[in-house]
Amino acid sequence: MGINNTQTAYSFGQLGSLWLDDTGAATPPTDKVFVAITVVDDCAFTSLVADNNVRAGLEYIGTGTSAHDSNLDPNLGESGTGGEVVNNTDEFQSGLTIYGRWTSIQLASGKIIAYIGD
């Protein structure tokens, strides 16, 4: 049986979405984040700003910082290892959906749908 509650739904993009097909920056409403990005046409990101809480081990891919790059102790659940920064030359293929928490998105190229959640 599936989980059917408001908090779960709000965490998985049930607060709306937006279409982005140019190089302008997009931000979610106040106190919200983008929780998923579906690539409609191959894309690259100029900026993908993650909503990280490194001390809690909550790290997401982005252009400004690498996620789970072993800056902390993975044995304490603080961070994993091997993560790298997303470069503006990294191309994401159409049909791909990535999950995480982002406060801002700016495309270098391509088209996406970004889903909003808590």
C-alpha atoms as a PDB file:
ATOM      1  CA  MET A   1       0.000   0.000   0.000  1.00  0.00           C
ATOM      2  CA  GLY A   2       1.358   3.442  -0.913  1.00  0.00           C
ATOM      3  CA  ILE A   3       1.788   6.396   1.366  1.00  0.00           C
ATOM      4  CA  ASN A   4      -0.882   9.028   0.823  1.00  0.00           C
ATOM      5  CA  ASN A   5      -0.255  12.151   2.867  1.00  0.00           C
ATOM      6  CA  THR A   6       0.195  15.832   2.176  1.00  0.00           C
ATOM      7  CA  GLN A   7       3.778  16.101   3.464  1.00  0.00           C
ATOM      8  CA  THR A   8       4.971  13.310   1.183  1.00  0.00           C
ATOM      9  CA  ALA A   9       3.178  14.836  -1.797  1.00  0.00           C
ATOM     10  CA  TYR A  10       4.626  18.312  -1.132  1.00  0.00           C
ATOM     11  CA  SER A  11       8.117  16.820  -0.968  1.00  0.00           C
ATOM     12  CA  PHE A  12       7.714  15.278  -4.426  1.00  0.00           C
ATOM     13  CA  GLY A  13       6.741  18.264  -6.535  1.00  0.00           C
ATOM     14  CA  GLN A  14       3.024  18.581  -5.912  1.00  0.00           C
ATOM     15  CA  LEU A  15       3.320  22.343  -5.417  1.00  0.00           C
ATOM     16  CA  GLY A  16       3.582  23.123  -9.090  1.00  0.00           C
ATOM     17  CA  SER A  17       6.142  23.205 -11.844  1.00  0.00           C
ATOM     18  CA  LEU A  18       7.675  25.538 -14.383  1.00  0.00           C
ATOM     19  CA  TRP A  19       8.890  25.283 -17.954  1.00  0.00           C
ATOM     20  CA  LEU A  20      12.332  26.656 -18.760  1.00  0.00           C
ATOM     21  CA  ASP A  21      13.645  26.881 -22.326  1.00  0.00           C
ATOM     22  CA  ASP A  22      15.940  29.892 -22.257  1.00  0.00           C
ATOM     23  CA  THR A  23      18.993  31.086 -20.391  1.00  0.00           C
ATOM     24  CA  GLY A  24      17.191  33.165 -17.755  1.00  0.00           C
ATOM     25  CA  ALA A  25      17.395  32.131 -14.101  1.00  0.00           C
ATOM     26  CA  ALA A  26      14.398  30.510 -12.405  1.00  0.00           C
ATOM     27  CA  THR A  27      13.673  30.446  -8.677  1.00  0.00           C
ATOM     28  CA  PRO A  28      10.883  28.699  -6.773  1.00  0.00           C
ATOM     29  CA  PRO A  29       8.359  30.568  -4.592  1.00  0.00           C
ATOM     30  CA  THR A  30       9.486  31.786  -1.161  1.00  0.00           C
ATOM     31  CA  ASP A  31      10.317  28.950   1.273  1.00  0.00           C
ATOM     32  CA  LYS A  32      10.079  26.336  -1.509  1.00  0.00           C
ATOM     33  CA  VAL A  33      12.693  24.501  -3.599  1.00  0.00           C
ATOM     34  CA  PHE A  34      12.850  22.640  -6.874  1.00  0.00           C
ATOM     35  CA  VAL A  35      12.712  18.927  -5.995  1.00  0.00           C
ATOM     36  CA  ALA A  36      12.955  17.349  -9.443  1.00  0.00           C
ATOM     37  CA  ILE A  37      14.074  18.386 -12.905  1.00  0.00           C
ATOM     38  CA  THR A  38      12.963  16.559 -16.038  1.00  0.00           C
ATOM     39  CA  VAL A  39      15.064  17.174 -19.131  1.00  0.00           C
ATOM     40  CA  VAL A  40      12.828  17.617 -22.184  1.00  0.00           C
ATOM     41  CA  ASP A  41      15.585  18.578 -24.641  1.00  0.00           C
ATOM     42  CA  ASP A  42      19.270  17.839 -23.945  1.00  0.00           C
ATOM     43  CA  CYS A  43      20.503  20.544 -21.583  1.00  0.00           C
ATOM     44  CA  ALA A  44      23.447  22.011 -19.725  1.00  0.00           C
ATOM     45  CA  PHE A  45      23.273  24.224 -16.655  1.00  0.00           C
ATOM     46  CA  THR A  46      24.951  27.599 -16.255  1.00  0.00           C
ATOM     47  CA  SER A  47      23.856  27.528 -12.632  1.00  0.00           C
ATOM     48  CA  LEU A  48      22.256  24.807 -10.516  1.00  0.00           C
ATOM     49  CA  VAL A  49      22.264  25.985  -6.887  1.00  0.00           C
ATOM     50  CA  ALA A  50      21.786  23.139  -4.406  1.00  0.00           C
ATOM     51  CA  ASP A  51      20.006  23.538  -1.066  1.00  0.00           C
ATOM     52  CA  ASN A  52      22.656  21.622   0.890  1.00  0.00           C
ATOM     53  CA  ASN A  53      22.830  20.857   4.594  1.00  0.00           C
ATOM     54  CA  VAL A  54      26.305  19.318   4.632  1.00  0.00           C
ATOM     55  CA  ARG A  55      26.456  18.715   8.405  1.00  0.00           C
ATOM     56  CA  ALA A  56      23.314  16.584   8.156  1.00  0.00           C
ATOM     57  CA  GLY A  57      24.689  14.713   5.126  1.00  0.00           C
ATOM     58  CA  LEU A  58      22.103  16.251   2.801  1.00  0.00           C
ATOM     59  CA  GLU A  59      24.042  17.146  -0.326  1.00  0.00           C
ATOM     60  CA  TYR A  60      22.797  17.531  -3.882  1.00  0.00           C
ATOM     61  CA  ILE A  61      24.543  18.003  -7.214  1.00  0.00           C
ATOM     62  CA  GLY A  62      25.108  21.545  -8.366  1.00  0.00           C
ATOM     63  CA  THR A  63      27.362  23.940 -10.221  1.00  0.00           C
ATOM     64  CA  GLY A  64      28.740  25.773  -7.192  1.00  0.00           C
ATOM     65  CA  THR A  65      29.873  22.874  -5.065  1.00  0.00           C
ATOM     66  CA  SER A  66      30.423  19.151  -5.266  1.00  0.00           C
ATOM     67  CA  ALA A  67      28.093  16.864  -3.366  1.00  0.00           C
ATOM     68  CA  HIS A  68      29.499  14.028  -1.287  1.00  0.00           C
ATOM     69  CA  ASP A  69      33.096  14.874  -2.040  1.00  0.00           C
ATOM     70  CA  SER A  70      34.592  13.509   1.216  1.00  0.00           C
ATOM     71  CA  ASN A  71      35.159  16.896   2.894  1.00  0.00           C
ATOM     72  CA  LEU A  72      33.590  15.365   5.997  1.00  0.00           C
ATOM     73  CA  ASP A  73      33.728  11.884   7.511  1.00  0.00           C
ATOM     74  CA  PRO A  74      31.526   9.421   5.559  1.00  0.00           C
ATOM     75  CA  ASN A  75      31.793   6.975   8.461  1.00  0.00           C
ATOM     76  CA  LEU A  76      29.803   9.415  10.594  1.00  0.00           C
ATOM     77  CA  GLY A  77      27.078   9.786   7.981  1.00  0.00           C
ATOM     78  CA  GLU A  78      28.216  13.331   7.240  1.00  0.00           C
ATOM     79  CA  SER A  79      29.213  12.924   3.617  1.00  0.00           C
ATOM     80  CA  GLY A  80      29.928  10.379   0.956  1.00  0.00           C
ATOM     81  CA  THR A  81      32.916  10.367  -1.357  1.00  0.00           C
ATOM     82  CA  GLY A  82      33.652  10.883  -5.041  1.00  0.00           C
ATOM     83  CA  GLY A  83      31.185  13.669  -5.897  1.00  0.00           C
ATOM     84  CA  GLU A  84      32.130  16.317  -8.441  1.00  0.00           C
ATOM     85  CA  VAL A  85      30.874  19.756  -9.438  1.00  0.00           C
ATOM     86  CA  VAL A  86      28.443  19.953 -12.374  1.00  0.00           C
ATOM     87  CA  ASN A  87      30.208  21.960 -15.091  1.00  0.00           C
ATOM     88  CA  ASN A  88      28.382  24.077 -17.663  1.00  0.00           C
ATOM     89  CA  THR A  89      29.726  21.706 -20.329  1.00  0.00           C
ATOM     90  CA  ASP A  90      28.128  18.622 -18.713  1.00  0.00           C
ATOM     91  CA  GLU A  91      25.155  17.623 -20.858  1.00  0.00           C
ATOM     92  CA  PHE A  92      22.051  15.973 -19.417  1.00  0.00           C
ATOM     93  CA  GLN A  93      20.112  13.837 -21.906  1.00  0.00           C
ATOM     94  CA  SER A  94      16.421  14.274 -22.703  1.00  0.00           C
ATOM     95  CA  GLY A  95      14.162  11.933 -20.780  1.00  0.00           C
ATOM     96  CA  LEU A  96      16.293  12.105 -17.638  1.00  0.00           C
ATOM     97  CA  THR A  97      14.787  13.192 -14.316  1.00  0.00           C
ATOM     98  CA  ILE A  98      17.107  14.218 -11.492  1.00  0.00           C
ATOM     99  CA  TYR A  99      15.954  14.575  -7.887  1.00  0.00           C
ATOM    100  CA  GLY A 100      17.315  16.837  -5.169  1.00  0.00           C
ATOM    101  CA  ARG A 101      16.779  20.284  -3.681  1.00  0.00           C
ATOM    102  CA  TRP A 102      17.691  23.405  -5.637  1.00  0.00           C
ATOM    103  CA  THR A 103      17.062  27.093  -4.948  1.00  0.00           C
ATOM    104  CA  SER A 104      17.896  28.369  -8.421  1.00  0.00           C
ATOM    105  CA  ILE A 105      18.283  27.007 -11.958  1.00  0.00           C
ATOM    106  CA  GLN A 106      19.794  28.652 -15.017  1.00  0.00           C
ATOM    107  CA  LEU A 107      20.210  26.831 -18.312  1.00  0.00           C
ATOM    108  CA  ALA A 108      23.099  27.185 -20.723  1.00  0.00           C
ATOM    109  CA  SER A 109      21.043  25.274 -23.289  1.00  0.00           C
ATOM    110  CA  GLY A 110      18.089  22.923 -23.594  1.00  0.00           C
ATOM    111  CA  LYS A 111      14.589  22.649 -22.125  1.00  0.00           C
ATOM    112  CA  ILE A 112      13.407  21.388 -18.735  1.00  0.00           C
ATOM    113  CA  ILE A 113      10.417  21.078 -16.444  1.00  0.00           C
ATOM    114  CA  ALA A 114      11.287  21.920 -12.817  1.00  0.00           C
ATOM    115  CA  TYR A 115       8.975  20.640 -10.069  1.00  0.00           C
ATOM    116  CA  ILE A 116       8.374  22.643  -6.881  1.00  0.00           C
ATOM    117  CA  GLY A 117       8.177  21.153  -3.388  1.00  0.00           C
ATOM    118  CA  ASP A 118       8.865  21.877   0.285  1.00  0.00           C
END
